[in-house]
Every structure is written in structure tokens, then in C-alpha cells.
Amino acid sequence: MLRVSDLELSAQMEVSIILPLLTLSRMHKTWIQNDTFFRTGNFVELIIVTKTKNRAKIESWISQALPANLSVIFLDSVSITDCYHNGIRRSSFNNILLITPENIASNVSLLELLRLKKNYSNSYIFSVGVTNTQKQNMAQSLLLSKVDIQQIKLENYVYSNTNQFFDSVRVLLGQFGKLEIKRDEVCNNYFPKTFIKPSIKHFENHTKIEKNKPSVDPVNGLSSNIKLISNKFKKLIVYPPQKIKNKHNIICLLQVKNEALIIKEALDHFSEHFDGIILLDDGSTDKTFEIATTPKLLCKAQKKNINKGFNDLENRNLLLEMAFFFKSDWLIFLDADERLHHKYDNLKDILQRTQANVLEFKCVHLWDSAEKYRVDIPEGSNGIMSRCRMFRNKGWMQIYSNREIYFTAVPFLKNTQSVPILILHYGLMDKETRQRKYDLYKSQDKEAKKQGYDYEYLLDDDPALADIELIKLSTDKVI
């Protein structure tokens, strides 16, 4: 079974997996419904290509599957060439992994391929599989880029079977000096090996593809079946259910706990800036969950297992799971004790100009007054900190970290832009709240290794403060 074992690499991989299923088996059903491989990465999509007559069975399978970036293409006339060509055309990412139905049951490490591809060059092709010297079977999977595919004009050729397809791709790419990686069956390691052309007869037997393309009927699986994750929550409510089909520009992801005194004002504030709000209650003992209502509220849920302490990572990932079922261009993480400063809140203008995938905001801690912020904290520049909070919706996403608190609160960082948006954090305003948070953080991070500096600053009696209105932001650079 395809395995993901490297946390950091899996969080950043960008690959489209194309799987032709001309015949269906119980093994395929089990893999689609249970395998975590294509749900682990933030940029991993699975594209299944099958016959139109398999529609009912496939749709039944995916309706019972866990959320994933999964889509299905149904073809009226099907050959192995049709499957791979249509899957490639539908793919979203530059890296393309071509696998066979038999391949999903084999022990293949995609992470190792991606690591090798990154270390060498994007123009290299890597193949993995058991090589039978007598039959000269080719690798069961191929990882290549769209640049490779365009260079060899793969769409112009048709192949009679899977082995010929993989064989021919390697021959074509071999003419451009690509590097091939094979797996040593004995030591189970990967090593570079000079490309050796397989039987040239496969190359000579290429035929031009017919111009009348088969009809393609793509279907996205799991786009609205939010009930699939309802068992993760004590209570899950969608307001109203038809909102799940609407398209939104920005959806705010909000985690709360015992915020009954401020939740209404917080929801009113966020409703002014965002098209929708998804709320997760982390075990409130007051009326926060019941009070939390607004026309912009798309969905709210009460978390299970609330006696394990504060787990910010788990909360944000649960919010991302909920957000997967709603259509939006952007997602943003904010807390109930945060507000956007009225002088630096023009997200609409920024989104019209940016080409970035992640937006980095500025943030300050308000201290003893709504007009003052703390300057002498062990982070940022003169009390002004940087926080990545907003990111493009790429489908199924999760945040990967070894910490449950104090981590980068976005699922990816590639193509990040610093923008003049200012978050005001009200959560440290009064001395009593600061003492309570000091006790909480010290209980979960006794040696202050997770934050990177000690929490004693929360107990300072004479901190340096400055006026909020004196802050001037003009940064607008891509990093």
C-alpha cells in the first residue's frame, strides 16, 4: 500500500495521482475508502478513471469514504491510453504519478520519489517497481512532470496495454537524457542508474491517437456529504443546509471556548469582513455554543474529547475538515478575542492584486487598554509580530506539526506575501486573564520550548506600551 512516513515532505508535496480502474474489485473499494495516503498531503489529489458503466458502484464507494481531494472521470470508450491521457488533462499539479491498479497493493514510497526528484531536477523521471529480467516488465509507477509530458507529446500516442504504455514513456523520455531510479529488490534502497532503453519495438509500435476523443464526464466526490465527519463532534449543525452549495470568497475559521460575553460582538465583526464563518466550540461550559448565531454562520460544531487540555493543532485541523465541504477561494484563521484594525483591514483590495497563496498579517497584543499595545515582548519588532493566517483553499488540507500549541497556523507556506493587515489581540488585556494564560501555557510547556521564549513576560508589572494609532504599515513584499 502507498505509504507516507515523512511528515515535513508530505505536508508540502504537490502531486496528482492518476489511477485507471477498468475493472473493480474489493481491494479497490477498501483502498479508496480507508487508505490515508492521498489524504496526508496538502497538495495531493487522486484522479480515478473508469468506465461509465461503473458509475453507480464508484459513487457508492466514495459516498462512504473519508474526505479527500478525489475526483472520478467516467469514459464511454476506455483503453489504458484514454485513462492516462484524460487523467493528465484533468490533473491540477505539475508532478504526475501514474500508477496501475495492481500498484496500490504494493509497497511503494512516493515520498522517496519526491525526495529524489527534488534533489536532482524537475526534469528527471523516476520509476519504482520490481524488475523481472526474464519478462523485462517495466516499473509499476512513474513520477514525471507536465513539462516531460509536453516535451515528448505523449497525447499523440496510443498504447495497447499498461506495460507498453510505461515502457514507451520511458523510451521517449530516455531520448531526452532523463534519469531513472529503480528499486533494489534485495536491499530495498533507491539508487540512480544509467538509463537503458528497453525493447525498441514498443517505440516503433506507437500509433497516433484518433481525433475523436471519448466523452469525458468528470465527477468530484465528497463535495457536500459533510455527515461523513459528524461522528468527530458532539454536535454538528449546518445553517441552513443549502449554504453548503454556495460559493464564498473568504470563510473565517473560528475556534472558541467560554466566550459567551464576547461571541456576539466577535461574530458581528467577522461578518463585516468575511462571506462565511465556521465555528468550533472547544468544550465551553457557558452558553457560547447556543449564543453563537449570525446570518454569516455556515456551520458550527461542539468538539468531543474536551478533557485533554488545549490542543490548538487538533482544533485547527478539525476546522479545516469542516471547511473542506464548503466552496471558497480563501480561508482565514482568527480567534474570538481578535479584531482587524479599522485602518488596516482592506482585504478586498489586497486580494484583487495578490498572486500569493498565503497572506502574512501583523499582530499586536493589547495591554490594559484598547488604545495601547505591548512593545517589549520577546518576539517581532517593537511589539509588532508577523502571523500567517490566510491562505487559498486548495481542497483537503491539514496542518502538520509536532506541537499542539505554537506552530505556524497555515497548512502550507509556499508563495507567502506580507500584507498591511493588522490584528488586534484582546486576549491579554487584563492582569487576571494574563495570569490564567500563564498557568495554562506553563502546564503544557514547562520549559517554554514550544513558544521559543519564556512566559514570564505575561506577569510583568511595568511593561513598555505604545499607542495603537502610531502604528504605520506599508509592507507588501513576496517572500
Protein backbone atom coordinates (compact mmCIF):
# COMPACT_ATOMS: atom_id res chain seq x y z
CA MET A 1 0.00 0.00 0.00
CA LEU A 2 1.27 3.50 -0.75
CA ARG A 3 2.90 4.89 2.35
CA VAL A 4 3.57 8.37 3.72
CA SER A 5 6.08 8.45 6.55
CA ASP A 6 7.92 11.78 6.27
CA LEU A 7 5.82 14.47 7.95
CA GLU A 8 7.53 17.55 6.56
CA LEU A 9 7.72 16.38 2.96
CA SER A 10 4.17 15.05 2.93
CA ALA A 11 2.87 18.43 4.06
CA GLN A 12 4.39 20.19 1.06
CA MET A 13 4.14 17.64 -1.76
CA GLU A 14 2.32 18.61 -4.93
CA VAL A 15 1.30 15.61 -6.96
CA SER A 16 -1.64 14.34 -8.98
CA ILE A 17 -2.11 10.55 -8.74
CA ILE A 18 -3.79 9.00 -11.77
CA LEU A 19 -5.31 5.58 -11.30
CA PRO A 20 -7.15 3.73 -14.10
CA LEU A 21 -9.75 1.23 -12.89
CA LEU A 22 -11.15 -0.65 -15.86
CA THR A 23 -12.38 -3.45 -13.61
CA LEU A 24 -13.40 -3.02 -9.97
CA SER A 25 -12.55 -5.26 -7.03
CA ARG A 26 -12.99 -5.32 -3.27
CA MET A 27 -9.35 -4.30 -2.89
CA HIS A 28 -10.01 -1.10 -4.82
CA LYS A 29 -13.04 -0.31 -2.65
CA THR A 30 -11.06 -0.80 0.55
CA TRP A 31 -8.23 1.41 -0.66
CA ILE A 32 -10.50 4.26 -1.78
CA GLN A 33 -12.44 4.26 1.47
CA ASN A 34 -9.69 3.65 4.00
CA ASP A 35 -6.21 4.45 2.72
CA THR A 36 -4.78 7.62 4.25
CA PHE A 37 -2.12 8.15 1.59
CA PHE A 38 -3.87 10.72 -0.58
CA ARG A 39 -5.34 12.46 2.48
CA THR A 40 -1.99 13.13 4.14
CA GLY A 41 -0.52 15.77 1.85
CA ASN A 42 -1.98 19.23 1.37
CA PHE A 43 -1.38 19.09 -2.35
CA VAL A 44 -2.24 15.52 -3.23
CA GLU A 45 -5.15 14.68 -5.48
CA LEU A 46 -6.36 11.28 -6.64
CA ILE A 47 -7.94 11.03 -10.08
CA ILE A 48 -9.71 7.76 -10.82
CA VAL A 49 -10.55 7.00 -14.46
CA THR A 50 -13.09 4.28 -15.13
CA LYS A 51 -15.91 3.14 -17.38
CA THR A 52 -19.28 4.87 -17.42
CA LYS A 53 -20.98 1.60 -16.50
CA ASN A 54 -19.08 1.65 -13.18
CA ARG A 55 -20.66 4.97 -12.13
CA ALA A 56 -23.16 3.60 -9.57
CA LYS A 57 -20.59 1.43 -7.81
CA ILE A 58 -17.87 4.10 -7.73
CA GLU A 59 -20.23 6.80 -6.46
CA SER A 60 -21.41 4.42 -3.75
CA TRP A 61 -17.80 3.82 -2.69
CA ILE A 62 -16.79 7.47 -2.48
CA SER A 63 -20.01 8.48 -0.71
CA GLN A 64 -18.85 6.31 2.21
CA ALA A 65 -15.20 7.36 2.06
CA LEU A 66 -13.31 9.79 4.25
CA PRO A 67 -12.75 13.31 2.85
CA ALA A 68 -10.04 13.67 0.25
CA ASN A 69 -9.12 15.56 -2.91
CA LEU A 70 -10.65 12.86 -5.06
CA SER A 71 -12.34 13.04 -8.43
CA VAL A 72 -13.61 10.47 -10.90
CA ILE A 73 -13.65 10.61 -14.71
CA PHE A 74 -16.13 8.34 -16.46
CA LEU A 75 -15.36 7.41 -20.08
CA ASP A 76 -17.70 5.81 -22.61
CA SER A 77 -14.92 4.11 -24.56
CA VAL A 78 -11.96 3.05 -22.46
CA SER A 79 -8.40 1.98 -23.13
CA ILE A 80 -5.32 2.41 -20.97
CA THR A 81 -4.37 5.34 -23.20
CA ASP A 82 -7.73 7.02 -22.63
CA CYS A 83 -7.37 6.65 -18.89
CA TYR A 84 -3.94 8.21 -18.56
CA HIS A 85 -4.48 10.95 -21.14
CA ASN A 86 -7.75 12.12 -19.59
CA GLY A 87 -6.34 11.90 -16.10
CA ILE A 88 -3.34 14.02 -17.08
CA ARG A 89 -5.60 16.63 -18.69
CA ARG A 90 -7.67 16.81 -15.50
CA SER A 91 -4.68 17.00 -13.13
CA SER A 92 -4.04 20.18 -11.14
CA PHE A 93 -0.36 19.82 -10.22
CA ASN A 94 2.95 19.73 -12.04
CA ASN A 95 4.06 16.37 -10.61
CA ILE A 96 2.14 13.45 -12.10
CA LEU A 97 2.24 9.97 -10.57
CA LEU A 98 0.98 7.29 -12.94
CA ILE A 99 0.10 4.06 -11.15
CA THR A 100 -1.58 0.79 -12.08
CA PRO A 101 -4.48 -0.94 -10.28
CA GLU A 102 -2.02 -3.58 -9.06
CA ASN A 103 0.31 -0.87 -7.76
CA ILE A 104 -1.99 0.21 -4.93
CA ALA A 105 -1.35 -3.08 -3.15
CA SER A 106 2.43 -2.88 -3.49
CA ASN A 107 4.91 -1.28 -1.13
CA VAL A 108 5.78 1.99 -2.89
CA SER A 109 7.14 5.07 -1.16
CA LEU A 110 6.07 8.17 -3.03
CA LEU A 111 7.94 10.30 -0.51
CA GLU A 112 11.23 8.71 -1.53
CA LEU A 113 10.48 9.52 -5.16
CA LEU A 114 9.63 13.12 -4.34
CA ARG A 115 12.78 13.50 -2.27
CA LEU A 116 14.92 12.18 -5.12
CA LYS A 117 13.11 14.34 -7.66
CA LYS A 118 13.73 17.42 -5.53
CA ASN A 119 17.42 16.57 -5.05
CA TYR A 120 18.12 16.04 -8.75
CA SER A 121 15.93 18.11 -11.05
CA ASN A 122 12.33 18.59 -12.04
CA SER A 123 13.18 17.22 -15.47
CA TYR A 124 14.09 13.76 -14.20
CA ILE A 125 11.74 10.80 -14.36
CA PHE A 126 11.69 8.29 -11.54
CA SER A 127 10.25 4.82 -11.68
CA VAL A 128 9.72 2.26 -8.98
CA GLY A 129 8.80 -1.40 -9.10
CA VAL A 130 10.03 -4.95 -9.29
CA THR A 131 12.04 -5.55 -12.45
CA ASN A 132 11.68 -9.03 -13.89
CA THR A 133 14.78 -9.62 -16.01
CA GLN A 134 13.21 -12.55 -17.86
CA LYS A 135 9.99 -10.83 -18.85
CA GLN A 136 11.54 -7.34 -18.73
CA ASN A 137 8.46 -5.89 -17.06
CA MET A 138 8.66 -2.19 -16.57
CA ALA A 139 8.16 -0.25 -13.33
CA GLN A 140 4.67 -0.22 -11.89
CA SER A 141 4.65 3.53 -11.30
CA LEU A 142 6.09 6.60 -12.97
CA LEU A 143 6.60 10.04 -11.44
CA LEU A 144 7.13 12.73 -14.04
CA SER A 145 6.29 16.38 -14.64
CA LYS A 146 3.92 18.05 -17.05
CA VAL A 147 6.98 19.53 -18.76
CA ASP A 148 8.16 15.97 -19.51
CA ILE A 149 4.73 15.05 -20.87
CA GLN A 150 4.60 18.11 -23.13
CA GLN A 151 8.14 17.55 -24.35
CA ILE A 152 7.50 14.01 -25.58
CA LYS A 153 4.00 14.88 -26.89
CA LEU A 154 2.54 11.94 -25.00
CA GLU A 155 -1.02 12.82 -26.00
CA ASN A 156 -0.25 11.93 -29.61
CA TYR A 157 0.22 8.23 -28.97
CA VAL A 158 -2.00 5.28 -28.12
CA TYR A 159 -0.87 2.03 -26.45
CA SER A 160 -2.38 -1.41 -26.31
CA ASN A 161 -1.60 -2.31 -22.69
CA THR A 162 -0.15 -0.96 -19.45
CA ASN A 163 3.33 -2.44 -19.86
CA GLN A 164 3.66 -0.96 -23.33
CA PHE A 165 2.47 2.41 -22.07
CA PHE A 166 5.04 2.56 -19.25
CA ASP A 167 7.75 1.11 -21.46
CA SER A 168 7.11 3.65 -24.20
CA VAL A 169 7.06 6.62 -21.83
CA ARG A 170 10.45 5.61 -20.50
CA VAL A 171 11.84 5.21 -24.02
CA LEU A 172 10.56 8.61 -25.11
CA LEU A 173 11.90 10.31 -22.01
CA GLY A 174 15.14 8.39 -22.29
CA GLN A 175 15.85 10.17 -25.56
CA PHE A 176 15.96 13.43 -23.59
CA GLY A 177 18.56 12.13 -21.14
CA LYS A 178 16.25 11.57 -18.20
CA LEU A 179 17.47 9.83 -15.08
CA GLU A 180 15.75 6.66 -13.96
CA ILE A 181 15.57 5.45 -10.36
CA LYS A 182 14.97 1.75 -9.75
CA ARG A 183 14.44 -0.10 -6.51
CA ASP A 184 16.91 -2.77 -5.49
CA GLU A 185 14.79 -5.79 -4.53
CA VAL A 186 17.44 -7.10 -2.12
CA CYS A 187 18.36 -4.06 -0.01
CA ASN A 188 15.10 -2.18 -0.68
CA ASN A 189 17.01 1.05 -1.29
CA TYR A 190 16.85 3.53 -4.12
CA PHE A 191 19.80 4.35 -6.31
CA PRO A 192 20.39 6.21 -9.60
CA LYS A 193 21.08 4.04 -12.60
CA THR A 194 22.01 4.95 -16.14
CA PHE A 195 19.01 4.76 -18.42
CA ILE A 196 18.99 1.61 -20.57
CA LYS A 197 16.49 1.56 -23.38
CA PRO A 198 14.04 -1.31 -23.24
CA SER A 199 12.99 -3.13 -26.37
CA ILE A 200 12.73 -0.54 -29.14
CA LYS A 201 9.82 -2.41 -30.71
CA HIS A 202 7.46 -0.69 -28.27
CA PHE A 203 8.65 2.65 -29.53
CA GLU A 204 8.15 1.63 -33.14
CA ASN A 205 4.64 0.38 -32.42
CA HIS A 206 3.34 3.79 -31.33
CA THR A 207 0.29 4.87 -33.25
CA LYS A 208 -1.26 8.31 -33.45
CA ILE A 209 -4.28 8.79 -31.27
CA GLU A 210 -7.61 9.25 -33.02
CA LYS A 211 -9.01 12.78 -33.12
CA ASN A 212 -12.47 11.84 -31.89
CA LYS A 213 -11.83 11.96 -28.15
CA PRO A 214 -14.03 9.87 -25.84
CA SER A 215 -16.69 11.76 -23.94
CA VAL A 216 -15.46 12.80 -20.50
CA ASP A 217 -17.82 13.19 -17.57
CA PRO A 218 -15.77 14.26 -14.51
CA VAL A 219 -17.36 13.94 -11.08
CA ASN A 220 -15.94 15.41 -7.86
CA GLY A 221 -16.51 13.07 -4.95
CA LEU A 222 -17.46 14.15 -1.44
CA SER A 223 -18.28 17.76 -2.29
CA SER A 224 -21.22 18.08 0.08
CA ASN A 225 -21.51 14.97 2.25
CA ILE A 226 -20.46 16.67 5.50
CA LYS A 227 -22.19 13.94 7.52
CA LEU A 228 -19.11 11.80 6.86
CA ILE A 229 -17.27 13.65 9.66
CA SER A 230 -20.21 14.19 12.03
CA ASN A 231 -19.01 11.38 14.31
CA LYS A 232 -15.99 13.50 15.21
CA PHE A 233 -18.19 16.02 17.02
CA LYS A 234 -20.62 16.05 19.89
CA LYS A 235 -22.92 18.16 17.74
CA LEU A 236 -22.64 19.44 14.15
CA ILE A 237 -25.05 21.95 12.65
CA VAL A 238 -25.14 23.47 9.16
CA TYR A 239 -27.05 26.78 8.76
CA PRO A 240 -29.01 26.25 6.55
CA PRO A 241 -28.04 23.03 4.72
CA GLN A 242 -28.26 24.64 1.25
CA LYS A 243 -25.39 27.01 2.14
CA ILE A 244 -23.03 24.12 1.57
CA LYS A 245 -23.56 24.56 -2.19
CA ASN A 246 -22.89 28.33 -2.27
CA LYS A 247 -19.56 29.82 -3.39
CA HIS A 248 -17.76 32.17 -0.96
CA ASN A 249 -14.76 34.43 -1.34
CA ILE A 250 -13.41 34.22 2.24
CA ILE A 251 -14.50 31.87 5.02
CA CYS A 252 -13.37 32.58 8.59
CA LEU A 253 -12.41 29.55 10.71
CA LEU A 254 -13.07 30.32 14.38
CA GLN A 255 -12.36 28.23 17.49
CA VAL A 256 -13.98 29.33 20.76
CA LYS A 257 -14.24 28.33 24.42
CA ASN A 258 -16.26 30.10 27.11
CA GLU A 259 -16.64 33.27 25.05
CA ALA A 260 -20.30 33.97 25.90
CA LEU A 261 -19.54 37.60 26.86
CA ILE A 262 -17.91 38.49 23.53
CA ILE A 263 -19.07 35.92 20.96
CA LYS A 264 -21.92 38.03 19.56
CA GLU A 265 -19.67 41.07 19.05
CA ALA A 266 -16.95 38.85 17.56
CA LEU A 267 -19.34 37.28 15.04
CA ASP A 268 -20.70 40.72 14.10
CA HIS A 269 -17.15 41.98 13.48
CA PHE A 270 -16.12 38.98 11.37
CA SER A 271 -19.40 39.11 9.43
CA GLU A 272 -18.41 42.58 8.20
CA HIS A 273 -15.21 41.25 6.64
CA PHE A 274 -15.95 37.68 5.53
CA ASP A 275 -18.59 35.85 3.48
CA GLY A 276 -18.95 32.93 5.86
CA ILE A 277 -17.93 31.68 9.32
CA ILE A 278 -17.26 28.13 10.51
CA LEU A 279 -17.14 27.75 14.30
CA LEU A 280 -15.72 25.04 16.56
CA ASP A 281 -16.57 25.08 20.28
CA ASP A 282 -13.76 23.51 22.33
CA GLY A 283 -15.87 22.44 25.32
CA SER A 284 -17.47 25.65 26.58
CA THR A 285 -19.16 25.42 29.98
CA ASP A 286 -21.16 28.60 29.42
CA LYS A 287 -23.71 29.37 26.67
CA THR A 288 -21.15 30.18 23.94
CA PHE A 289 -22.37 27.48 21.55
CA GLU A 290 -26.04 28.41 21.91
CA ILE A 291 -25.40 32.17 21.62
CA ALA A 292 -23.18 31.78 18.54
CA THR A 293 -25.58 32.75 15.74
CA THR A 294 -25.29 35.13 12.79
CA PRO A 295 -26.57 35.11 9.18
CA LYS A 296 -22.97 34.52 8.02
CA LEU A 297 -22.59 31.36 10.14
CA LEU A 298 -22.24 28.40 7.79
CA CYS A 299 -21.57 25.64 10.27
CA LYS A 300 -20.84 25.16 13.98
CA ALA A 301 -19.78 22.12 15.96
CA GLN A 302 -19.10 21.04 19.53
CA LYS A 303 -15.88 19.14 19.98
CA LYS A 304 -15.61 15.70 21.54
CA ASN A 305 -12.87 14.64 23.98
CA ILE A 306 -12.51 18.03 25.68
CA ASN A 307 -10.67 16.81 28.78
CA LYS A 308 -7.24 16.56 27.13
CA GLY A 309 -6.18 20.17 27.61
CA PHE A 310 -5.86 22.86 24.93
CA ASN A 311 -4.91 21.33 21.58
CA ASP A 312 -4.71 24.19 19.10
CA LEU A 313 -3.41 21.92 16.33
CA GLU A 314 -6.31 19.49 16.62
CA ASN A 315 -8.83 22.34 16.69
CA ARG A 316 -7.49 23.98 13.56
CA ASN A 317 -7.38 20.69 11.69
CA LEU A 318 -10.99 19.95 12.67
CA LEU A 319 -11.95 23.38 11.30
CA LEU A 320 -10.13 22.55 8.06
CA GLU A 321 -12.06 19.28 7.80
CA MET A 322 -15.33 21.18 8.18
CA ALA A 323 -14.23 23.81 5.64
CA PHE A 324 -13.50 21.13 3.04
CA PHE A 325 -17.23 20.71 2.38
CA PHE A 326 -17.79 24.41 1.60
CA LYS A 327 -16.77 26.24 -1.56
CA SER A 328 -14.47 29.22 -1.01
CA ASP A 329 -11.46 30.91 -2.58
CA TRP A 330 -9.75 31.77 0.72
CA LEU A 331 -9.73 30.57 4.33
CA ILE A 332 -8.59 32.56 7.38
CA PHE A 333 -7.93 31.53 10.98
CA LEU A 334 -8.98 34.02 13.66
CA ASP A 335 -9.83 33.80 17.36
CA ALA A 336 -12.80 35.27 19.20
CA ASP A 337 -10.51 37.73 21.05
CA GLU A 338 -9.01 39.13 17.84
CA ARG A 339 -10.17 42.02 15.66
CA LEU A 340 -8.94 43.63 12.44
CA HIS A 341 -7.79 47.22 12.90
CA HIS A 342 -10.07 49.65 11.07
CA LYS A 343 -7.11 51.34 9.30
CA TYR A 344 -5.56 48.08 8.14
CA ASP A 345 -8.38 45.76 7.12
CA ASN A 346 -8.70 46.27 3.35
CA LEU A 347 -8.57 42.64 2.33
CA LYS A 348 -10.72 43.21 -0.74
CA ASP A 349 -8.12 45.46 -2.37
CA ILE A 350 -5.25 43.11 -1.44
CA LEU A 351 -6.98 40.06 -2.89
CA GLN A 352 -7.53 41.85 -6.19
CA ARG A 353 -3.79 42.45 -6.54
CA THR A 354 -2.08 39.45 -4.95
CA GLN A 355 -0.82 36.34 -6.69
CA ALA A 356 0.24 34.79 -3.38
CA ASN A 357 -1.11 31.60 -1.82
CA VAL A 358 -0.59 32.66 1.80
CA LEU A 359 -1.02 36.09 3.40
CA GLU A 360 1.06 37.13 6.41
CA PHE A 361 -0.55 39.73 8.71
CA LYS A 362 0.83 41.88 11.52
CA CYS A 363 -0.38 41.36 15.08
CA VAL A 364 -0.06 43.21 18.42
CA HIS A 365 -1.06 42.35 22.00
CA LEU A 366 -3.34 44.99 23.52
CA TRP A 367 -2.32 45.62 27.14
CA ASP A 368 -4.51 47.10 29.90
CA SER A 369 -6.23 49.35 27.35
CA ALA A 370 -7.77 49.11 23.89
CA GLU A 371 -5.53 52.02 22.83
CA LYS A 372 -2.20 50.57 23.99
CA TYR A 373 -0.13 47.58 22.88
CA ARG A 374 2.85 45.83 24.44
CA VAL A 375 6.17 46.82 22.86
CA ASP A 376 8.80 44.92 24.83
CA ILE A 377 7.86 41.32 24.12
CA PRO A 378 10.50 38.75 23.10
CA GLU A 379 9.11 38.46 19.56
CA GLY A 380 8.65 40.60 16.48
CA SER A 381 9.85 44.16 16.02
CA ASN A 382 8.86 46.65 18.73
CA GLY A 383 5.90 44.53 19.67
CA ILE A 384 4.63 44.06 16.11
CA MET A 385 4.58 40.34 15.27
CA SER A 386 4.07 38.52 11.97
CA ARG A 387 1.35 35.89 11.67
CA CYS A 388 0.43 33.73 8.67
CA ARG A 389 -3.34 33.33 8.95
CA MET A 390 -4.94 33.46 5.50
CA PHE A 391 -4.45 31.03 2.60
CA ARG A 392 -6.04 29.90 -0.62
CA ASN A 393 -8.45 27.00 -0.41
CA LYS A 394 -6.69 24.02 -2.02
CA GLY A 395 -9.24 21.39 -1.02
CA TRP A 396 -8.40 18.79 1.59
CA MET A 397 -5.74 20.33 3.86
CA GLN A 398 -4.25 19.71 7.29
CA ILE A 399 -1.57 21.42 9.38
CA TYR A 400 1.42 19.22 10.23
CA SER A 401 3.36 19.92 13.42
CA ASN A 402 4.93 18.05 16.33
CA ARG A 403 3.49 20.66 18.70
CA GLU A 404 -0.10 21.05 19.83
CA ILE A 405 0.43 24.78 20.52
CA TYR A 406 2.67 27.46 19.00
CA PHE A 407 3.08 26.35 15.40
CA THR A 408 2.65 28.03 12.03
CA ALA A 409 -1.13 28.17 11.73
CA VAL A 410 -1.46 27.53 7.99
CA PRO A 411 -1.30 24.22 6.09
CA PHE A 412 1.43 25.43 3.71
CA LEU A 413 3.82 28.37 3.25
CA LYS A 414 4.79 28.27 -0.41
CA ASN A 415 4.34 31.68 -2.07
CA THR A 416 3.71 33.78 1.06
CA GLN A 417 3.16 37.54 0.90
CA SER A 418 3.38 40.01 3.77
CA VAL A 419 0.44 42.43 3.58
CA PRO A 420 -0.66 45.53 5.59
CA ILE A 421 -3.39 43.90 7.66
CA LEU A 422 -3.25 44.41 11.44
CA ILE A 423 -4.74 42.01 14.00
CA LEU A 424 -5.50 43.41 17.44
CA HIS A 425 -5.27 40.70 20.11
CA TYR A 426 -7.50 41.47 23.09
CA GLY A 427 -6.74 38.19 24.85
CA LEU A 428 -4.07 39.66 27.18
CA MET A 429 -5.85 42.88 28.09
CA ASP A 430 -6.26 42.41 31.87
CA LYS A 431 -3.97 41.06 34.57
CA GLU A 432 -6.33 38.27 35.63
CA THR A 433 -6.51 36.83 32.11
CA ARG A 434 -2.73 37.02 31.72
CA GLN A 435 -2.25 35.07 34.94
CA ARG A 436 -4.72 32.41 33.80
CA LYS A 437 -2.98 32.01 30.43
CA TYR A 438 0.42 31.93 32.14
CA ASP A 439 -0.73 28.98 34.24
CA LEU A 440 -2.21 27.23 31.19
CA TYR A 441 0.85 27.63 28.99
CA LYS A 442 3.30 26.65 31.74
CA SER A 443 1.29 23.48 32.36
CA GLN A 444 1.62 22.46 28.68
CA ASP A 445 5.09 23.89 28.02
CA LYS A 446 7.03 23.87 31.30
CA GLU A 447 10.41 24.60 29.70
CA ALA A 448 8.98 27.16 27.22
CA LYS A 449 10.42 25.23 24.27
CA LYS A 450 7.28 25.32 22.14
CA GLN A 451 6.93 29.10 22.06
CA GLY A 452 10.68 29.70 21.96
CA TYR A 453 10.81 32.12 24.89
CA ASP A 454 9.63 32.15 28.50
CA TYR A 455 6.14 33.11 29.59
CA GLU A 456 7.31 35.38 32.42
CA TYR A 457 6.55 38.45 30.28
CA LEU A 458 2.86 37.79 30.98
CA LEU A 459 3.44 38.66 34.64
CA ASP A 460 5.43 41.89 34.16
CA ASP A 461 4.20 44.75 36.34
CA ASP A 462 5.77 47.59 34.37
CA PRO A 463 5.79 46.75 30.63
CA ALA A 464 6.62 49.20 27.84
CA LEU A 465 3.48 50.27 25.97
CA ALA A 466 2.77 52.34 22.86
CA ASP A 467 -0.26 53.90 21.16
CA ILE A 468 -2.06 51.75 18.59
CA GLU A 469 -2.74 54.72 16.33
CA LEU A 470 1.01 55.34 15.89
CA ILE A 471 1.48 52.05 14.03
CA LYS A 472 2.22 52.52 10.33
CA LEU A 473 2.17 49.55 7.95
CA SER A 474 3.31 49.65 4.35
CA THR A 475 4.92 46.24 3.76
CA ASP A 476 3.81 44.46 0.60
CA LYS A 477 6.56 42.05 -0.42
CA VAL A 478 6.58 38.43 -1.54
CA ILE A 479 8.81 36.07 0.46
